[in-house]
Amino acid sequence: MKERSNFPLLGLAFAGLALASAPLAAEPAPRTDPLQVVTPDIAHWNRLTRERAQSFVRVGLDWPVGLHRVVVDVTYDADGTITEQNLRVSSGHAAIDDGAMATLQRMQRLPQPPADISVAPGRMGMPFEFHIGSPRAIERWLASNARFNDPDRGVAFHLPAPLTVLAPRARPGHLWIVGIGTRAKAPPPVPGQSRVCDVGLQTQSPDWQGVDQAELNGSTHRARLDGELRLGAGRANTASDPASLMFGTAAHGREIVVIPADRPDERHYLAVADTPQYRMTLTCATDAAHLERALPLFRAIADNLRIAPFASIPASRS
């Protein structure tokens, strides 16, 4: 029997267990991101870090109206000096992405890290959220085709420019699949496709329904996801090592990049995450020349996803 794919855009085999990176390169052992840790000392350091970053932000007069989120991977020394920064999640606007990177260049160093994370080098994801325009203007922006909302299931996401939401469609085994199209100057879909990504939602397997989200975010389940992604990539294809990706604010997912053996000029992106209610998949494909620009946009789709009780996307968030 032919195995059903959980990655609809790419049609790759993917094991049906219930339940996002660097391109094609081994990733170092995962480190704790201090922005995800809640000990009192680190929580205080997180607040000081965000306050320091805010003081160096310079908003461009030509930045477009909207709710724009950027995440930059930051490497820092034991004293907090920033030694490297790389764009991880893109707003879709080069000027805004550059603005976030320039903020860190002006900042130069983080506050002195607490003793329990003052290792060299340390790594963290630094989020920036830019609310450009009045709340009403932002709401009009969100009401355009930049947003998808399923209020019955409490799942919603909005997209960075230059991506656009296409009409949801049915597929066996899925509650829905939403295609993601591109506007001008966006990374192109692969030949024969009208969309660059698919976002899929499935009912969670009975094996994982009711399991605490913390367990689904843990190392044991992460290893399961890694095995499924490698299976989905296919033995004949070349794949990167699985890497971490946030689906919204709650679900820790995994991602890989695949080079198909029969289409070596293409790059396929696979990501998956679980909640006790749902499995979420993100599949994208573009050509090799556009991968570097496309990856931060692909990650932004998962990063902007909200699941109940976080499903409502407000016009403005504090």
C-alpha atoms as a PDB file:
ATOM      1  CA  MET A   1       0.000   0.000   0.000  1.00  0.00           C
ATOM      2  CA  LYS A   2       1.259   3.471  -0.848  1.00  0.00           C
ATOM      3  CA  GLU A   3       1.966   5.506   2.263  1.00  0.00           C
ATOM      4  CA  ARG A   4       0.005   8.763   2.619  1.00  0.00           C
ATOM      5  CA  SER A   5       2.141  11.853   2.860  1.00  0.00           C
ATOM      6  CA  ASN A   6       1.673  14.308   5.717  1.00  0.00           C
ATOM      7  CA  PHE A   7       3.609  16.840   3.647  1.00  0.00           C
ATOM      8  CA  PRO A   8       1.065  17.605   0.930  1.00  0.00           C
ATOM      9  CA  LEU A   9       2.963  20.112  -1.206  1.00  0.00           C
ATOM     10  CA  LEU A  10       5.990  17.930  -1.700  1.00  0.00           C
ATOM     11  CA  GLY A  11       4.336  14.532  -1.731  1.00  0.00           C
ATOM     12  CA  LEU A  12       7.133  13.032   0.354  1.00  0.00           C
ATOM     13  CA  ALA A  13       6.543   9.952   2.472  1.00  0.00           C
ATOM     14  CA  PHE A  14       6.050  10.758   6.145  1.00  0.00           C
ATOM     15  CA  ALA A  15       5.201   8.357   8.963  1.00  0.00           C
ATOM     16  CA  GLY A  16       1.756   8.899  10.437  1.00  0.00           C
ATOM     17  CA  LEU A  17       2.684   9.264  14.097  1.00  0.00           C
ATOM     18  CA  ALA A  18       0.569  11.817  15.862  1.00  0.00           C
ATOM     19  CA  LEU A  19       2.216  14.805  16.655  1.00  0.00           C
ATOM     20  CA  ALA A  20      11.055  23.752  12.848  1.00  0.00           C
ATOM     21  CA  SER A  21      17.757  25.791  10.734  1.00  0.00           C
ATOM     22  CA  ALA A  22      20.501  25.796   8.905  1.00  0.00           C
ATOM     23  CA  PRO A  23      20.671  24.692   5.296  1.00  0.00           C
ATOM     24  CA  LEU A  24      22.350  21.346   4.817  1.00  0.00           C
ATOM     25  CA  ALA A  25      24.933  21.597   7.544  1.00  0.00           C
ATOM     26  CA  ALA A  26      25.376  19.863  10.845  1.00  0.00           C
ATOM     27  CA  GLU A  27      24.104  21.925  13.751  1.00  0.00           C
ATOM     28  CA  PRO A  28      25.948  22.124  17.088  1.00  0.00           C
ATOM     29  CA  ALA A  29      24.418  20.470  20.123  1.00  0.00           C
ATOM     30  CA  PRO A  30      21.302  22.430  21.152  1.00  0.00           C
ATOM     31  CA  ARG A  31      21.782  25.079  23.810  1.00  0.00           C
ATOM     32  CA  THR A  32      19.194  26.446  26.176  1.00  0.00           C
ATOM     33  CA  ASP A  33      17.729  29.682  24.854  1.00  0.00           C
ATOM     34  CA  PRO A  34      17.614  31.980  27.891  1.00  0.00           C
ATOM     35  CA  LEU A  35      14.511  33.729  26.540  1.00  0.00           C
ATOM     36  CA  GLN A  36      12.672  30.418  27.076  1.00  0.00           C
ATOM     37  CA  VAL A  37      13.886  29.921  30.673  1.00  0.00           C
ATOM     38  CA  VAL A  38      11.915  31.215  33.654  1.00  0.00           C
ATOM     39  CA  THR A  39      14.284  31.121  36.642  1.00  0.00           C
ATOM     40  CA  PRO A  40      14.214  34.455  38.543  1.00  0.00           C
ATOM     41  CA  ASP A  41      17.769  35.483  37.614  1.00  0.00           C
ATOM     42  CA  ILE A  42      17.312  34.678  33.949  1.00  0.00           C
ATOM     43  CA  ALA A  43      13.848  36.266  33.851  1.00  0.00           C
ATOM     44  CA  HIS A  44      15.393  39.464  35.202  1.00  0.00           C
ATOM     45  CA  TRP A  45      18.180  39.256  32.612  1.00  0.00           C
ATOM     46  CA  ASN A  46      15.616  38.700  29.845  1.00  0.00           C
ATOM     47  CA  ARG A  47      13.809  41.886  30.887  1.00  0.00           C
ATOM     48  CA  LEU A  48      17.042  43.882  31.017  1.00  0.00           C
ATOM     49  CA  THR A  49      18.036  42.517  27.594  1.00  0.00           C
ATOM     50  CA  ARG A  50      14.749  43.518  26.002  1.00  0.00           C
ATOM     51  CA  GLU A  51      14.857  46.958  27.620  1.00  0.00           C
ATOM     52  CA  ARG A  52      18.415  47.516  26.392  1.00  0.00           C
ATOM     53  CA  ALA A  53      17.503  46.416  22.866  1.00  0.00           C
ATOM     54  CA  GLN A  54      14.456  48.706  22.852  1.00  0.00           C
ATOM     55  CA  SER A  55      16.646  51.718  23.616  1.00  0.00           C
ATOM     56  CA  PHE A  56      18.652  51.112  20.422  1.00  0.00           C
ATOM     57  CA  VAL A  57      15.689  50.629  18.040  1.00  0.00           C
ATOM     58  CA  ARG A  58      15.376  53.169  15.222  1.00  0.00           C
ATOM     59  CA  VAL A  59      12.128  52.899  13.232  1.00  0.00           C
ATOM     60  CA  GLY A  60      12.402  53.926   9.591  1.00  0.00           C
ATOM     61  CA  LEU A  61       9.976  56.544   8.275  1.00  0.00           C
ATOM     62  CA  ASP A  62       9.399  54.403   5.183  1.00  0.00           C
ATOM     63  CA  TRP A  63       8.502  51.212   7.058  1.00  0.00           C
ATOM     64  CA  PRO A  64       5.086  49.935   5.932  1.00  0.00           C
ATOM     65  CA  VAL A  65       2.009  49.710   8.160  1.00  0.00           C
ATOM     66  CA  GLY A  66       1.568  46.353   9.850  1.00  0.00           C
ATOM     67  CA  LEU A  67       2.544  44.055  12.682  1.00  0.00           C
ATOM     68  CA  HIS A  68       6.069  42.950  11.788  1.00  0.00           C
ATOM     69  CA  ARG A  69       8.057  40.341  13.711  1.00  0.00           C
ATOM     70  CA  VAL A  70      11.759  39.590  13.297  1.00  0.00           C
ATOM     71  CA  VAL A  71      13.886  37.052  15.180  1.00  0.00           C
ATOM     72  CA  VAL A  72      17.682  37.269  15.085  1.00  0.00           C
ATOM     73  CA  ASP A  73      19.946  34.461  16.285  1.00  0.00           C
ATOM     74  CA  VAL A  74      22.558  36.063  18.544  1.00  0.00           C
ATOM     75  CA  THR A  75      25.855  34.563  19.716  1.00  0.00           C
ATOM     76  CA  TYR A  76      27.475  36.253  22.714  1.00  0.00           C
ATOM     77  CA  ASP A  77      30.553  35.908  24.939  1.00  0.00           C
ATOM     78  CA  ALA A  78      30.489  35.282  28.681  1.00  0.00           C
ATOM     79  CA  ASP A  79      30.450  39.032  29.357  1.00  0.00           C
ATOM     80  CA  GLY A  80      27.517  39.592  26.981  1.00  0.00           C
ATOM     81  CA  THR A  81      29.479  40.942  23.999  1.00  0.00           C
ATOM     82  CA  ILE A  82      27.631  40.112  20.760  1.00  0.00           C
ATOM     83  CA  THR A  83      29.974  38.209  18.457  1.00  0.00           C
ATOM     84  CA  GLU A  84      27.603  37.045  15.700  1.00  0.00           C
ATOM     85  CA  GLN A  85      24.054  37.641  14.518  1.00  0.00           C
ATOM     86  CA  ASN A  86      22.000  35.946  11.809  1.00  0.00           C
ATOM     87  CA  LEU A  87      18.467  36.553  10.603  1.00  0.00           C
ATOM     88  CA  ARG A  88      16.231  33.636  11.583  1.00  0.00           C
ATOM     89  CA  VAL A  89      12.636  34.875  11.141  1.00  0.00           C
ATOM     90  CA  SER A  90      11.949  37.562   8.543  1.00  0.00           C
ATOM     91  CA  SER A  91       9.272  40.250   8.496  1.00  0.00           C
ATOM     92  CA  GLY A  92       9.270  40.016   4.725  1.00  0.00           C
ATOM     93  CA  HIS A  93      10.553  43.582   4.426  1.00  0.00           C
ATOM     94  CA  ALA A  94      14.297  43.989   3.934  1.00  0.00           C
ATOM     95  CA  ALA A  95      14.298  47.441   5.552  1.00  0.00           C
ATOM     96  CA  ILE A  96      12.676  46.119   8.750  1.00  0.00           C
ATOM     97  CA  ASP A  97      14.925  43.056   8.887  1.00  0.00           C
ATOM     98  CA  ASP A  98      17.939  45.310   8.412  1.00  0.00           C
ATOM     99  CA  GLY A  99      16.588  47.581  11.150  1.00  0.00           C
ATOM    100  CA  ALA A 100      16.543  44.715  13.644  1.00  0.00           C
ATOM    101  CA  MET A 101      20.075  43.692  12.679  1.00  0.00           C
ATOM    102  CA  ALA A 102      21.259  47.306  12.948  1.00  0.00           C
ATOM    103  CA  THR A 103      19.736  47.527  16.438  1.00  0.00           C
ATOM    104  CA  LEU A 104      22.027  44.735  17.623  1.00  0.00           C
ATOM    105  CA  GLN A 105      25.020  46.290  15.886  1.00  0.00           C
ATOM    106  CA  ARG A 106      24.402  49.525  17.792  1.00  0.00           C
ATOM    107  CA  MET A 107      23.751  47.574  20.984  1.00  0.00           C
ATOM    108  CA  GLN A 108      27.091  45.684  20.724  1.00  0.00           C
ATOM    109  CA  ARG A 109      26.585  43.776  23.960  1.00  0.00           C
ATOM    110  CA  LEU A 110      23.892  42.271  26.154  1.00  0.00           C
ATOM    111  CA  PRO A 111      23.634  42.879  29.897  1.00  0.00           C
ATOM    112  CA  GLN A 112      26.004  40.704  31.914  1.00  0.00           C
ATOM    113  CA  PRO A 113      24.491  37.197  31.744  1.00  0.00           C
ATOM    114  CA  PRO A 114      23.671  35.390  35.009  1.00  0.00           C
ATOM    115  CA  ALA A 115      26.269  32.939  36.252  1.00  0.00           C
ATOM    116  CA  ASP A 116      24.242  29.869  35.239  1.00  0.00           C
ATOM    117  CA  ILE A 117      24.266  30.861  31.541  1.00  0.00           C
ATOM    118  CA  SER A 118      27.511  32.870  31.318  1.00  0.00           C
ATOM    119  CA  VAL A 119      29.142  30.306  29.048  1.00  0.00           C
ATOM    120  CA  ALA A 120      31.106  31.131  25.929  1.00  0.00           C
ATOM    121  CA  PRO A 121      29.684  31.180  23.428  1.00  0.00           C
ATOM    122  CA  GLY A 122      26.038  31.590  24.433  1.00  0.00           C
ATOM    123  CA  ARG A 123      23.205  31.617  21.914  1.00  0.00           C
ATOM    124  CA  MET A 124      19.690  33.012  21.969  1.00  0.00           C
ATOM    125  CA  GLY A 125      16.901  34.078  19.642  1.00  0.00           C
ATOM    126  CA  MET A 126      16.233  37.823  19.998  1.00  0.00           C
ATOM    127  CA  PRO A 127      12.646  38.735  18.987  1.00  0.00           C
ATOM    128  CA  PHE A 128      11.625  42.151  17.693  1.00  0.00           C
ATOM    129  CA  GLU A 129       7.994  43.197  17.166  1.00  0.00           C
ATOM    130  CA  PHE A 130       7.300  46.405  15.282  1.00  0.00           C
ATOM    131  CA  HIS A 131       3.732  47.775  15.363  1.00  0.00           C
ATOM    132  CA  ILE A 132       3.736  50.327  12.546  1.00  0.00           C
ATOM    133  CA  GLY A 133       0.633  52.518  12.258  1.00  0.00           C
ATOM    134  CA  SER A 134      -2.454  53.018  14.387  1.00  0.00           C
ATOM    135  CA  PRO A 135      -4.333  50.012  15.849  1.00  0.00           C
ATOM    136  CA  ARG A 136      -7.059  50.545  13.257  1.00  0.00           C
ATOM    137  CA  ALA A 137      -4.531  50.637  10.416  1.00  0.00           C
ATOM    138  CA  ILE A 138      -2.895  47.446  11.685  1.00  0.00           C
ATOM    139  CA  GLU A 139      -6.293  45.758  11.928  1.00  0.00           C
ATOM    140  CA  ARG A 140      -7.013  46.690   8.304  1.00  0.00           C
ATOM    141  CA  TRP A 141      -3.646  45.220   7.370  1.00  0.00           C
ATOM    142  CA  LEU A 142      -4.444  41.984   9.194  1.00  0.00           C
ATOM    143  CA  ALA A 143      -7.908  41.848   7.609  1.00  0.00           C
ATOM    144  CA  SER A 144      -6.311  41.579   4.172  1.00  0.00           C
ATOM    145  CA  ASN A 145      -5.126  38.265   2.751  1.00  0.00           C
ATOM    146  CA  ALA A 146      -2.161  38.362   5.145  1.00  0.00           C
ATOM    147  CA  ARG A 147      -4.198  36.450   7.762  1.00  0.00           C
ATOM    148  CA  PHE A 148      -5.874  33.043   8.097  1.00  0.00           C
ATOM    149  CA  ASN A 149      -8.164  32.329  11.028  1.00  0.00           C
ATOM    150  CA  ASP A 150     -10.047  29.149  11.990  1.00  0.00           C
ATOM    151  CA  PRO A 151     -12.095  30.265  15.028  1.00  0.00           C
ATOM    152  CA  ASP A 152     -13.799  26.881  15.407  1.00  0.00           C
ATOM    153  CA  ARG A 153     -10.469  25.181  16.102  1.00  0.00           C
ATOM    154  CA  GLY A 154      -8.684  28.149  17.626  1.00  0.00           C
ATOM    155  CA  VAL A 155      -5.890  28.234  15.054  1.00  0.00           C
ATOM    156  CA  ALA A 156      -4.719  31.376  13.278  1.00  0.00           C
ATOM    157  CA  PHE A 157      -1.667  32.787  11.581  1.00  0.00           C
ATOM    158  CA  HIS A 158      -0.611  35.856   9.661  1.00  0.00           C
ATOM    159  CA  LEU A 159       2.091  36.093   7.040  1.00  0.00           C
ATOM    160  CA  PRO A 160       5.042  38.331   6.356  1.00  0.00           C
ATOM    161  CA  ALA A 161       5.182  40.198   3.083  1.00  0.00           C
ATOM    162  CA  PRO A 162       5.508  39.111   0.299  1.00  0.00           C
ATOM    163  CA  LEU A 163       3.496  35.953   1.087  1.00  0.00           C
ATOM    164  CA  THR A 164      -0.264  35.651   0.680  1.00  0.00           C
ATOM    165  CA  VAL A 165      -2.926  33.245   1.956  1.00  0.00           C
ATOM    166  CA  LEU A 166      -4.680  31.079  -0.604  1.00  0.00           C
ATOM    167  CA  ALA A 167      -8.039  29.356  -0.151  1.00  0.00           C
ATOM    168  CA  PRO A 168      -8.022  26.360   2.238  1.00  0.00           C
ATOM    169  CA  ARG A 169      -8.700  22.989   0.694  1.00  0.00           C
ATOM    170  CA  ALA A 170      -9.621  19.522   1.883  1.00  0.00           C
ATOM    171  CA  ARG A 171      -7.314  16.519   1.908  1.00  0.00           C
ATOM    172  CA  PRO A 172      -7.857  13.076   3.434  1.00  0.00           C
ATOM    173  CA  GLY A 173      -6.448  12.884   6.941  1.00  0.00           C
ATOM    174  CA  HIS A 174      -6.314  16.680   7.341  1.00  0.00           C
ATOM    175  CA  LEU A 175      -8.732  19.143   8.889  1.00  0.00           C
ATOM    176  CA  TRP A 176      -7.516  21.594   6.260  1.00  0.00           C
ATOM    177  CA  ILE A 177      -4.551  22.602   4.176  1.00  0.00           C
ATOM    178  CA  VAL A 178      -3.883  26.263   3.467  1.00  0.00           C
ATOM    179  CA  GLY A 179      -1.681  27.140   0.528  1.00  0.00           C
ATOM    180  CA  ILE A 180       0.742  30.056   0.683  1.00  0.00           C
ATOM    181  CA  GLY A 181       1.277  32.046  -2.488  1.00  0.00           C
ATOM    182  CA  THR A 182       3.848  34.691  -3.371  1.00  0.00           C
ATOM    183  CA  ARG A 183       3.752  38.225  -4.659  1.00  0.00           C
ATOM    184  CA  ALA A 184       6.338  39.967  -6.818  1.00  0.00           C
ATOM    185  CA  LYS A 185       9.989  39.697  -5.738  1.00  0.00           C
ATOM    186  CA  ALA A 186       9.237  36.735  -3.435  1.00  0.00           C
ATOM    187  CA  PRO A 187      11.182  33.456  -3.503  1.00  0.00           C
ATOM    188  CA  PRO A 188       9.501  31.530  -6.332  1.00  0.00           C
ATOM    189  CA  PRO A 189       7.698  28.196  -6.075  1.00  0.00           C
ATOM    190  CA  VAL A 190       9.297  25.224  -7.763  1.00  0.00           C
ATOM    191  CA  PRO A 191       8.297  24.548 -11.398  1.00  0.00           C
ATOM    192  CA  GLY A 192       4.797  23.152 -11.726  1.00  0.00           C
ATOM    193  CA  GLN A 193       3.536  24.625  -8.419  1.00  0.00           C
ATOM    194  CA  SER A 194       1.365  27.717  -7.946  1.00  0.00           C
ATOM    195  CA  ARG A 195       2.161  27.973  -4.234  1.00  0.00           C
ATOM    196  CA  VAL A 196       5.396  28.071  -2.288  1.00  0.00           C
ATOM    197  CA  CYS A 197       4.147  26.479   0.966  1.00  0.00           C
ATOM    198  CA  ASP A 198       1.339  24.452   2.515  1.00  0.00           C
ATOM    199  CA  VAL A 199       0.250  24.715   6.154  1.00  0.00           C
ATOM    200  CA  GLY A 200      -1.510  21.546   7.306  1.00  0.00           C
ATOM    201  CA  LEU A 201      -3.607  20.801  10.389  1.00  0.00           C
ATOM    202  CA  GLN A 202      -4.482  17.276  11.536  1.00  0.00           C
ATOM    203  CA  THR A 203      -6.307  15.913  14.556  1.00  0.00           C
ATOM    204  CA  GLN A 204      -3.787  14.584  17.018  1.00  0.00           C
ATOM    205  CA  SER A 205      -3.272  10.835  17.278  1.00  0.00           C
ATOM    206  CA  PRO A 206      -4.984   9.224  20.280  1.00  0.00           C
ATOM    207  CA  ASP A 207      -1.504   8.276  21.537  1.00  0.00           C
ATOM    208  CA  TRP A 208      -0.712  11.931  22.208  1.00  0.00           C
ATOM    209  CA  GLN A 209      -4.079  13.464  22.996  1.00  0.00           C
ATOM    210  CA  GLY A 210      -4.073  14.695  26.572  1.00  0.00           C
ATOM    211  CA  VAL A 211      -0.276  14.567  26.833  1.00  0.00           C
ATOM    212  CA  ASP A 212       1.107  17.682  28.473  1.00  0.00           C
ATOM    213  CA  GLN A 213       2.629  20.215  26.070  1.00  0.00           C
ATOM    214  CA  ALA A 214       5.834  20.192  28.100  1.00  0.00           C
ATOM    215  CA  GLU A 215       6.290  16.502  27.284  1.00  0.00           C
ATOM    216  CA  LEU A 216       5.622  17.137  23.594  1.00  0.00           C
ATOM    217  CA  ASN A 217       8.299  19.838  23.734  1.00  0.00           C
ATOM    218  CA  GLY A 218      10.825  17.558  25.453  1.00  0.00           C
ATOM    219  CA  SER A 219      13.882  15.767  24.140  1.00  0.00           C
ATOM    220  CA  THR A 220      12.232  12.333  23.849  1.00  0.00           C
ATOM    221  CA  HIS A 221       9.468  13.581  21.616  1.00  0.00           C
ATOM    222  CA  ARG A 222      11.943  15.740  19.709  1.00  0.00           C
ATOM    223  CA  ALA A 223      13.852  12.572  18.841  1.00  0.00           C
ATOM    224  CA  ARG A 224      10.611  11.025  17.531  1.00  0.00           C
ATOM    225  CA  LEU A 225      10.012  14.029  15.309  1.00  0.00           C
ATOM    226  CA  ASP A 226      13.576  13.879  14.035  1.00  0.00           C
ATOM    227  CA  GLY A 227      13.084  10.275  13.017  1.00  0.00           C
ATOM    228  CA  GLU A 228       9.869  11.114  11.188  1.00  0.00           C
ATOM    229  CA  LEU A 229      11.447  14.029   9.364  1.00  0.00           C
ATOM    230  CA  ARG A 230      14.346  11.856   8.220  1.00  0.00           C
ATOM    231  CA  LEU A 231      11.865   9.255   7.009  1.00  0.00           C
ATOM    232  CA  GLY A 232       9.863  11.947   5.244  1.00  0.00           C
ATOM    233  CA  ALA A 233      13.005  13.248   3.559  1.00  0.00           C
ATOM    234  CA  GLY A 234      13.610   9.878   1.912  1.00  0.00           C
ATOM    235  CA  ARG A 235      16.811   7.837   1.900  1.00  0.00           C
ATOM    236  CA  ALA A 236      17.708   8.756  -1.673  1.00  0.00           C
ATOM    237  CA  ASN A 237      17.681  12.484  -0.912  1.00  0.00           C
ATOM    238  CA  THR A 238      20.181  14.675   0.943  1.00  0.00           C
ATOM    239  CA  ALA A 239      18.871  16.277   4.136  1.00  0.00           C
ATOM    240  CA  SER A 240      20.174  18.651   6.776  1.00  0.00           C
ATOM    241  CA  ASP A 241      20.254  17.626  10.410  1.00  0.00           C
ATOM    242  CA  PRO A 242      16.914  18.399  12.117  1.00  0.00           C
ATOM    243  CA  ALA A 243      16.856  21.711  13.964  1.00  0.00           C
ATOM    244  CA  SER A 244      14.503  23.465  16.377  1.00  0.00           C
ATOM    245  CA  LEU A 245      11.647  25.758  15.364  1.00  0.00           C
ATOM    246  CA  MET A 246       8.886  27.422  17.367  1.00  0.00           C
ATOM    247  CA  PHE A 247       5.306  27.055  16.164  1.00  0.00           C
ATOM    248  CA  GLY A 248       3.807  30.133  17.788  1.00  0.00           C
ATOM    249  CA  THR A 249       4.575  30.644  21.459  1.00  0.00           C
ATOM    250  CA  ALA A 250       3.862  27.170  22.840  1.00  0.00           C
ATOM    251  CA  ALA A 251       4.830  24.304  20.531  1.00  0.00           C
ATOM    252  CA  HIS A 252       8.462  23.334  19.953  1.00  0.00           C
ATOM    253  CA  GLY A 253       8.824  21.848  16.489  1.00  0.00           C
ATOM    254  CA  ARG A 254      11.588  20.539  14.244  1.00  0.00           C
ATOM    255  CA  GLU A 255      12.668  21.380  10.704  1.00  0.00           C
ATOM    256  CA  ILE A 256      14.891  20.034   7.935  1.00  0.00           C
ATOM    257  CA  VAL A 257      15.933  21.106   4.445  1.00  0.00           C
ATOM    258  CA  VAL A 258      15.985  18.465   1.703  1.00  0.00           C
ATOM    259  CA  ILE A 259      17.717  18.292  -1.693  1.00  0.00           C
ATOM    260  CA  PRO A 260      15.738  15.849  -3.865  1.00  0.00           C
ATOM    261  CA  ALA A 261      17.996  13.445  -5.720  1.00  0.00           C
ATOM    262  CA  ASP A 262      15.979  13.811  -8.937  1.00  0.00           C
ATOM    263  CA  ARG A 263      15.679  17.633  -8.664  1.00  0.00           C
ATOM    264  CA  PRO A 264      19.028  18.850  -7.298  1.00  0.00           C
ATOM    265  CA  ASP A 265      18.274  22.509  -8.078  1.00  0.00           C
ATOM    266  CA  GLU A 266      15.297  22.494  -5.694  1.00  0.00           C
ATOM    267  CA  ARG A 267      15.251  22.892  -1.919  1.00  0.00           C
ATOM    268  CA  HIS A 268      12.375  21.425   0.084  1.00  0.00           C
ATOM    269  CA  TYR A 269      11.610  22.528   3.625  1.00  0.00           C
ATOM    270  CA  LEU A 270       9.751  20.298   6.090  1.00  0.00           C
ATOM    271  CA  ALA A 271       8.648  21.288   9.597  1.00  0.00           C
ATOM    272  CA  VAL A 272       6.343  19.672  12.145  1.00  0.00           C
ATOM    273  CA  ALA A 273       5.107  20.283  15.691  1.00  0.00           C
ATOM    274  CA  ASP A 274       2.542  18.754  18.033  1.00  0.00           C
ATOM    275  CA  THR A 275       0.035  19.989  20.561  1.00  0.00           C
ATOM    276  CA  PRO A 276      -2.273  17.699  22.557  1.00  0.00           C
ATOM    277  CA  GLN A 277      -5.056  18.582  20.095  1.00  0.00           C
ATOM    278  CA  TYR A 278      -3.327  18.927  16.746  1.00  0.00           C
ATOM    279  CA  ARG A 279      -0.380  18.070  14.563  1.00  0.00           C
ATOM    280  CA  MET A 280       0.840  20.992  12.472  1.00  0.00           C
ATOM    281  CA  THR A 281       2.960  20.637   9.351  1.00  0.00           C
ATOM    282  CA  LEU A 282       4.650  23.199   7.153  1.00  0.00           C
ATOM    283  CA  THR A 283       6.022  22.186   3.753  1.00  0.00           C
ATOM    284  CA  CYS A 284       7.685  24.612   1.378  1.00  0.00           C
ATOM    285  CA  ALA A 285       9.766  24.415  -1.771  1.00  0.00           C
ATOM    286  CA  THR A 286      11.840  26.871  -3.766  1.00  0.00           C
ATOM    287  CA  ASP A 287      15.009  26.797  -5.859  1.00  0.00           C
ATOM    288  CA  ALA A 288      18.516  26.620  -4.436  1.00  0.00           C
ATOM    289  CA  ALA A 289      19.373  30.171  -5.444  1.00  0.00           C
ATOM    290  CA  HIS A 290      16.565  31.611  -3.283  1.00  0.00           C
ATOM    291  CA  LEU A 291      16.900  29.363  -0.218  1.00  0.00           C
ATOM    292  CA  GLU A 292      18.879  31.808   1.939  1.00  0.00           C
ATOM    293  CA  ARG A 293      16.190  34.460   1.545  1.00  0.00           C
ATOM    294  CA  ALA A 294      13.308  31.979   1.710  1.00  0.00           C
ATOM    295  CA  LEU A 295      14.202  30.223   4.986  1.00  0.00           C
ATOM    296  CA  PRO A 296      13.479  33.213   7.285  1.00  0.00           C
ATOM    297  CA  LEU A 297      10.115  33.653   5.512  1.00  0.00           C
ATOM    298  CA  PHE A 298       9.250  29.973   5.892  1.00  0.00           C
ATOM    299  CA  ARG A 299      10.103  30.116   9.604  1.00  0.00           C
ATOM    300  CA  ALA A 300       7.989  33.250   9.988  1.00  0.00           C
ATOM    301  CA  ILE A 301       4.878  31.290   8.981  1.00  0.00           C
ATOM    302  CA  ALA A 302       5.336  28.894  11.911  1.00  0.00           C
ATOM    303  CA  ASP A 303       6.509  31.647  14.259  1.00  0.00           C
ATOM    304  CA  ASN A 304       3.324  33.697  13.661  1.00  0.00           C
ATOM    305  CA  LEU A 305       0.982  30.756  14.193  1.00  0.00           C
ATOM    306  CA  ARG A 306      -1.337  30.940  17.213  1.00  0.00           C
ATOM    307  CA  ILE A 307      -3.159  27.992  18.769  1.00  0.00           C
ATOM    308  CA  ALA A 308      -5.908  28.213  21.406  1.00  0.00           C
ATOM    309  CA  PRO A 309      -5.756  29.769  23.924  1.00  0.00           C
ATOM    310  CA  PHE A 310      -3.347  31.904  21.868  1.00  0.00           C
ATOM    311  CA  ALA A 311      -5.350  31.761  18.636  1.00  0.00           C
ATOM    312  CA  SER A 312      -6.682  35.293  18.401  1.00  0.00           C
ATOM    313  CA  ILE A 313      -4.295  37.615  16.617  1.00  0.00           C
ATOM    314  CA  PRO A 314      -4.866  41.078  18.086  1.00  0.00           C
ATOM    315  CA  ALA A 315      -4.425  44.298  16.208  1.00  0.00           C
ATOM    316  CA  SER A 316      -1.613  45.229  18.566  1.00  0.00           C
ATOM    317  CA  ARG A 317       0.302  43.262  21.146  1.00  0.00           C
ATOM    318  CA  SER A 318       2.231  44.676  24.053  1.00  0.00           C
END
